[in-house]
N, C-alpha and C. Protein backbone atom coordinates (compact mmCIF):
# COMPACT_ATOMS: atom_id res chain seq x y z
N MET A 1 0.84 -1.22 0.05
CA MET A 1 -0.02 -0.12 -0.04
C MET A 1 0.84 1.34 0.05
N ARG A 2 2.06 1.16 0.69
CA ARG A 2 2.93 2.30 0.69
C ARG A 2 3.43 2.74 -0.70
N ARG A 3 3.56 1.73 -1.58
CA ARG A 3 4.16 2.00 -2.91
C ARG A 3 3.11 2.62 -3.66
N VAL A 4 1.76 2.34 -3.49
CA VAL A 4 0.77 2.99 -4.21
C VAL A 4 0.76 4.49 -3.88
N TRP A 5 0.86 4.79 -2.64
CA TRP A 5 0.87 6.22 -2.20
C TRP A 5 2.18 6.93 -2.71
N GLN A 6 3.21 6.25 -2.77
CA GLN A 6 4.40 6.85 -3.28
C GLN A 6 4.25 7.15 -4.85
N LEU A 7 3.54 6.28 -5.54
CA LEU A 7 3.41 6.51 -6.98
C LEU A 7 2.37 7.70 -7.20
N LEU A 8 1.26 7.60 -6.29
CA LEU A 8 0.32 8.60 -6.43
C LEU A 8 0.84 10.01 -6.03
N SER A 9 1.77 10.15 -5.18
CA SER A 9 2.47 11.35 -4.77
C SER A 9 3.27 11.94 -6.03
N MET A 10 3.72 11.28 -6.87
CA MET A 10 4.43 11.68 -7.94
C MET A 10 3.62 12.32 -9.09
N ILE A 11 2.27 12.04 -9.00
CA ILE A 11 1.52 12.68 -10.07
C ILE A 11 1.48 14.16 -10.08
N PRO A 12 1.36 14.86 -8.97
CA PRO A 12 1.38 16.38 -9.00
C PRO A 12 2.82 16.90 -9.59
N ALA A 13 3.73 16.16 -9.11
CA ALA A 13 5.14 16.72 -9.54
C ALA A 13 5.28 16.52 -11.02
N LEU A 14 4.73 15.40 -11.57
CA LEU A 14 4.93 15.19 -12.96
C LEU A 14 4.03 16.05 -13.73
N ALA A 15 2.85 16.42 -13.25
CA ALA A 15 1.77 17.29 -13.89
C ALA A 15 2.31 18.68 -14.05
N SER A 16 3.11 19.13 -12.96
CA SER A 16 3.45 20.51 -12.95
C SER A 16 4.76 20.70 -13.72
N ALA A 17 5.41 19.64 -14.19
CA ALA A 17 6.64 19.87 -14.99
C ALA A 17 6.53 20.55 -16.13
N ARG A 18 7.50 21.32 -16.54
CA ARG A 18 7.28 22.07 -17.83
C ARG A 18 8.00 21.47 -18.98
N ILE A 19 7.58 21.73 -20.16
CA ILE A 19 8.02 21.18 -21.29
C ILE A 19 9.47 21.72 -21.54
N ALA A 20 10.49 20.78 -21.88
CA ALA A 20 11.74 21.24 -22.18
C ALA A 20 11.95 21.48 -23.65
N PHE A 21 12.54 22.64 -23.94
CA PHE A 21 12.68 23.11 -25.24
C PHE A 21 14.16 23.18 -25.59
N ALA A 22 14.49 22.65 -26.76
CA ALA A 22 15.86 22.78 -27.30
C ALA A 22 16.05 23.95 -28.16
N CYS A 23 17.19 24.54 -28.09
CA CYS A 23 17.48 25.69 -28.89
C CYS A 23 17.82 25.18 -30.42
N PRO A 24 17.02 25.36 -31.40
CA PRO A 24 17.33 24.85 -32.65
C PRO A 24 18.50 25.60 -33.38
N SER A 25 18.77 26.82 -33.04
CA SER A 25 19.81 27.51 -33.55
C SER A 25 21.18 27.30 -32.92
N CYS A 26 21.15 26.66 -31.80
CA CYS A 26 22.56 26.51 -31.16
C CYS A 26 23.34 25.41 -31.79
N PRO A 27 24.64 25.48 -31.60
CA PRO A 27 25.53 24.56 -32.39
C PRO A 27 25.36 23.12 -31.93
N GLY A 28 24.98 22.92 -30.56
CA GLY A 28 24.90 21.48 -30.12
C GLY A 28 23.78 20.69 -30.81
N PRO A 29 22.54 21.14 -30.80
CA PRO A 29 21.52 20.36 -31.56
C PRO A 29 21.80 20.13 -33.02
N ARG A 30 22.43 21.20 -33.65
CA ARG A 30 22.65 21.06 -35.10
C ARG A 30 23.77 20.01 -35.30
N LEU A 31 24.78 19.95 -34.45
CA LEU A 31 25.81 19.00 -34.61
C LEU A 31 25.32 17.58 -34.23
N MET A 32 24.31 17.30 -33.30
CA MET A 32 23.82 16.04 -33.06
C MET A 32 22.95 15.58 -34.20
N GLY A 33 22.23 16.54 -34.79
CA GLY A 33 21.27 16.22 -35.89
C GLY A 33 22.19 15.72 -37.10
N GLU A 34 23.35 16.47 -37.35
CA GLU A 34 24.18 15.96 -38.33
C GLU A 34 24.85 14.48 -38.08
N LEU A 35 25.21 14.36 -36.87
CA LEU A 35 25.75 13.06 -36.50
C LEU A 35 24.79 11.87 -36.63
N VAL A 36 23.60 12.14 -36.07
CA VAL A 36 22.58 11.13 -36.05
C VAL A 36 22.01 10.92 -37.50
N CYS A 37 21.60 11.95 -38.15
CA CYS A 37 20.97 11.81 -39.54
C CYS A 37 21.85 12.06 -40.63
N GLY A 38 23.22 11.90 -40.48
CA GLY A 38 24.18 12.21 -41.48
C GLY A 38 24.31 11.06 -42.36
N ASP A 39 25.46 10.61 -42.78
CA ASP A 39 25.83 9.55 -43.72
C ASP A 39 25.44 8.17 -43.17
N HIS A 40 25.46 8.04 -41.90
CA HIS A 40 25.32 6.72 -41.25
C HIS A 40 23.88 6.53 -40.51
N LEU A 41 22.79 7.10 -41.21
CA LEU A 41 21.47 7.11 -40.60
C LEU A 41 21.04 5.63 -40.41
N TRP A 42 21.16 4.76 -41.50
CA TRP A 42 20.70 3.41 -41.32
C TRP A 42 21.55 2.56 -40.45
N THR A 43 22.70 2.83 -40.34
CA THR A 43 23.63 2.19 -39.34
C THR A 43 23.15 2.65 -37.95
N ASN A 44 22.94 3.81 -37.68
CA ASN A 44 22.46 4.27 -36.37
C ASN A 44 20.99 3.67 -36.09
N LEU A 45 20.25 3.65 -37.07
CA LEU A 45 18.83 2.99 -36.75
C LEU A 45 18.93 1.62 -36.43
N MET A 46 19.80 0.88 -37.24
CA MET A 46 19.94 -0.62 -36.90
C MET A 46 20.62 -0.76 -35.56
N MET A 47 21.50 -0.14 -35.11
CA MET A 47 22.21 -0.19 -33.82
C MET A 47 21.17 0.11 -32.78
N THR A 48 20.34 1.00 -32.99
CA THR A 48 19.36 1.42 -32.01
C THR A 48 18.25 0.37 -31.77
N THR A 49 17.84 -0.24 -32.89
CA THR A 49 16.70 -1.22 -32.85
C THR A 49 17.23 -2.68 -32.58
N ALA A 50 18.55 -2.98 -32.71
CA ALA A 50 19.05 -4.28 -32.60
C ALA A 50 18.74 -4.84 -31.28
N PRO A 51 18.90 -4.22 -30.11
CA PRO A 51 18.64 -4.89 -28.78
C PRO A 51 17.16 -5.13 -28.56
N PHE A 52 16.23 -4.32 -29.18
CA PHE A 52 14.83 -4.53 -29.12
C PHE A 52 14.44 -5.81 -29.89
N ALA A 53 14.97 -5.84 -31.05
CA ALA A 53 14.66 -6.96 -31.99
C ALA A 53 15.17 -8.31 -31.35
N THR A 54 16.42 -8.28 -30.78
CA THR A 54 16.98 -9.39 -30.14
C THR A 54 16.20 -9.79 -28.94
N PHE A 55 15.74 -9.02 -28.15
CA PHE A 55 14.96 -9.20 -26.97
C PHE A 55 13.49 -9.88 -27.45
N ALA A 56 12.98 -9.29 -28.53
CA ALA A 56 11.69 -9.79 -29.01
C ALA A 56 11.81 -11.21 -29.53
N ALA A 57 12.92 -11.52 -30.31
CA ALA A 57 13.16 -12.71 -30.86
C ALA A 57 13.39 -13.80 -29.65
N LEU A 58 14.13 -13.42 -28.66
CA LEU A 58 14.43 -14.30 -27.58
C LEU A 58 13.13 -14.54 -26.83
N THR A 59 12.34 -13.55 -26.61
CA THR A 59 11.05 -13.78 -25.88
C THR A 59 10.13 -14.69 -26.68
N TRP A 60 10.05 -14.34 -27.99
CA TRP A 60 9.21 -15.21 -28.87
C TRP A 60 9.69 -16.79 -28.75
N ALA A 61 10.99 -16.89 -28.89
CA ALA A 61 11.61 -18.38 -28.88
C ALA A 61 11.30 -19.03 -27.56
N LEU A 62 11.37 -18.26 -26.43
CA LEU A 62 11.22 -18.90 -25.09
C LEU A 62 9.69 -19.20 -25.01
N SER A 63 8.84 -18.30 -25.46
CA SER A 63 7.34 -18.55 -25.39
C SER A 63 6.91 -19.76 -26.24
N ARG A 64 7.62 -19.99 -27.43
CA ARG A 64 7.30 -21.04 -28.26
C ARG A 64 7.80 -22.33 -27.60
N GLY A 65 8.87 -22.27 -26.93
CA GLY A 65 9.49 -23.53 -26.40
C GLY A 65 8.51 -23.96 -25.11
N SER A 66 8.05 -23.04 -24.37
CA SER A 66 7.21 -23.39 -23.21
C SER A 66 5.91 -23.95 -23.67
N ARG A 67 5.49 -23.65 -24.84
CA ARG A 67 4.14 -24.26 -25.34
C ARG A 67 4.25 -25.71 -25.72
N ALA A 68 5.42 -26.03 -26.21
CA ALA A 68 5.69 -27.33 -26.77
C ALA A 68 5.69 -28.49 -25.56
N ARG A 69 5.96 -28.04 -24.41
CA ARG A 69 6.17 -29.01 -23.28
C ARG A 69 4.82 -29.15 -22.59
């Protein structure tokens, strides 16, 4: 029951949080945009999705194995 109250007490703090804005004309966001979406976009996307695809395949294989028994 204590955990429920702890979770409920977080709602006002999260509801009052402001939206974070990035400065689009600052050099940091432009550099990151060029790094992520530059020449290696597909490599970056594959490296980002690879852990999720691996976890999904492992979960699917384990769930199929438990049904056979």
